[in-house]
Amino acid sequence: MKPIAILCAAQASVATFTNYYHEIWDIPSILSFGTLIISAGYLIVNFIRK
């Protein structure tokens, strides 16, 4: 269940990032991109460990 919640968070951060992509250095864009990187990294590490 936890990976599904992380996957939903990654999906939300992608949606936010595509909304603010034209202004890459805005705070919402940077935060959503950072959240995307962190959640994707967590999912990759979680699937490798199993």
C-alpha atoms as a PDB file:
ATOM      1  CA  MET A   1       0.000   0.000   0.000  1.00  0.00           C
ATOM      2  CA  LYS A   2       2.851   2.386   0.766  1.00  0.00           C
ATOM      3  CA  PRO A   3       4.316   2.229  -2.791  1.00  0.00           C
ATOM      4  CA  ILE A   4       0.873   3.065  -4.178  1.00  0.00           C
ATOM      5  CA  ALA A   5       0.722   6.192  -2.016  1.00  0.00           C
ATOM      6  CA  ILE A   6       4.223   7.182  -3.162  1.00  0.00           C
ATOM      7  CA  LEU A   7       3.190   6.554  -6.769  1.00  0.00           C
ATOM      8  CA  CYS A   8       0.162   8.835  -6.313  1.00  0.00           C
ATOM      9  CA  ALA A   9       2.431  11.513  -4.846  1.00  0.00           C
ATOM     10  CA  ALA A  10       4.732  11.180  -7.849  1.00  0.00           C
ATOM     11  CA  GLN A  11       1.749  11.504 -10.186  1.00  0.00           C
ATOM     12  CA  ALA A  12       0.608  14.665  -8.393  1.00  0.00           C
ATOM     13  CA  SER A  13       4.094  16.169  -8.539  1.00  0.00           C
ATOM     14  CA  VAL A  14       4.303  15.433 -12.280  1.00  0.00           C
ATOM     15  CA  ALA A  15       0.971  17.173 -12.820  1.00  0.00           C
ATOM     16  CA  THR A  16       2.157  20.185 -10.819  1.00  0.00           C
ATOM     17  CA  PHE A  17       5.506  20.252 -12.626  1.00  0.00           C
ATOM     18  CA  THR A  18       3.893  20.213 -16.074  1.00  0.00           C
ATOM     19  CA  ASN A  19       1.657  23.092 -14.984  1.00  0.00           C
ATOM     20  CA  TYR A  20       4.658  25.246 -13.952  1.00  0.00           C
ATOM     21  CA  TYR A  21       7.199  23.938 -16.486  1.00  0.00           C
ATOM     22  CA  HIS A  22       7.391  27.139 -18.519  1.00  0.00           C
ATOM     23  CA  GLU A  23       8.858  28.902 -15.478  1.00  0.00           C
ATOM     24  CA  ILE A  24      11.424  26.297 -14.396  1.00  0.00           C
ATOM     25  CA  TRP A  25      12.943  28.383 -11.607  1.00  0.00           C
ATOM     26  CA  ASP A  26       9.696  29.171  -9.801  1.00  0.00           C
ATOM     27  CA  ILE A  27       9.285  27.776  -6.300  1.00  0.00           C
ATOM     28  CA  PRO A  28       6.305  25.497  -7.154  1.00  0.00           C
ATOM     29  CA  SER A  29       8.179  24.073 -10.125  1.00  0.00           C
ATOM     30  CA  ILE A  30      11.334  23.401  -8.132  1.00  0.00           C
ATOM     31  CA  LEU A  31       9.392  21.826  -5.253  1.00  0.00           C
ATOM     32  CA  SER A  32       7.331  19.596  -7.528  1.00  0.00           C
ATOM     33  CA  PHE A  33      10.416  18.491  -9.465  1.00  0.00           C
ATOM     34  CA  GLY A  34      12.244  17.729  -6.215  1.00  0.00           C
ATOM     35  CA  THR A  35       9.284  15.749  -4.952  1.00  0.00           C
ATOM     36  CA  LEU A  36       9.212  13.822  -8.219  1.00  0.00           C
ATOM     37  CA  ILE A  37      12.912  12.950  -7.962  1.00  0.00           C
ATOM     38  CA  ILE A  38      12.620  11.903  -4.302  1.00  0.00           C
ATOM     39  CA  SER A  39       9.517   9.775  -4.825  1.00  0.00           C
ATOM     40  CA  ALA A  40      10.906   8.127  -7.962  1.00  0.00           C
ATOM     41  CA  GLY A  41      14.163   7.380  -6.158  1.00  0.00           C
ATOM     42  CA  TYR A  42      12.283   5.887  -3.238  1.00  0.00           C
ATOM     43  CA  LEU A  43      10.225   3.670  -5.532  1.00  0.00           C
ATOM     44  CA  ILE A  44      13.317   2.462  -7.409  1.00  0.00           C
ATOM     45  CA  VAL A  45      15.168   1.644  -4.185  1.00  0.00           C
ATOM     46  CA  ASN A  46      12.080  -0.033  -2.713  1.00  0.00           C
ATOM     47  CA  PHE A  47      11.630  -2.281  -5.756  1.00  0.00           C
ATOM     48  CA  ILE A  48      15.349  -3.165  -5.894  1.00  0.00           C
ATOM     49  CA  ARG A  49      15.375  -4.228  -2.239  1.00  0.00           C
ATOM     50  CA  LYS A  50      12.475  -6.659  -2.714  1.00  0.00           C
END
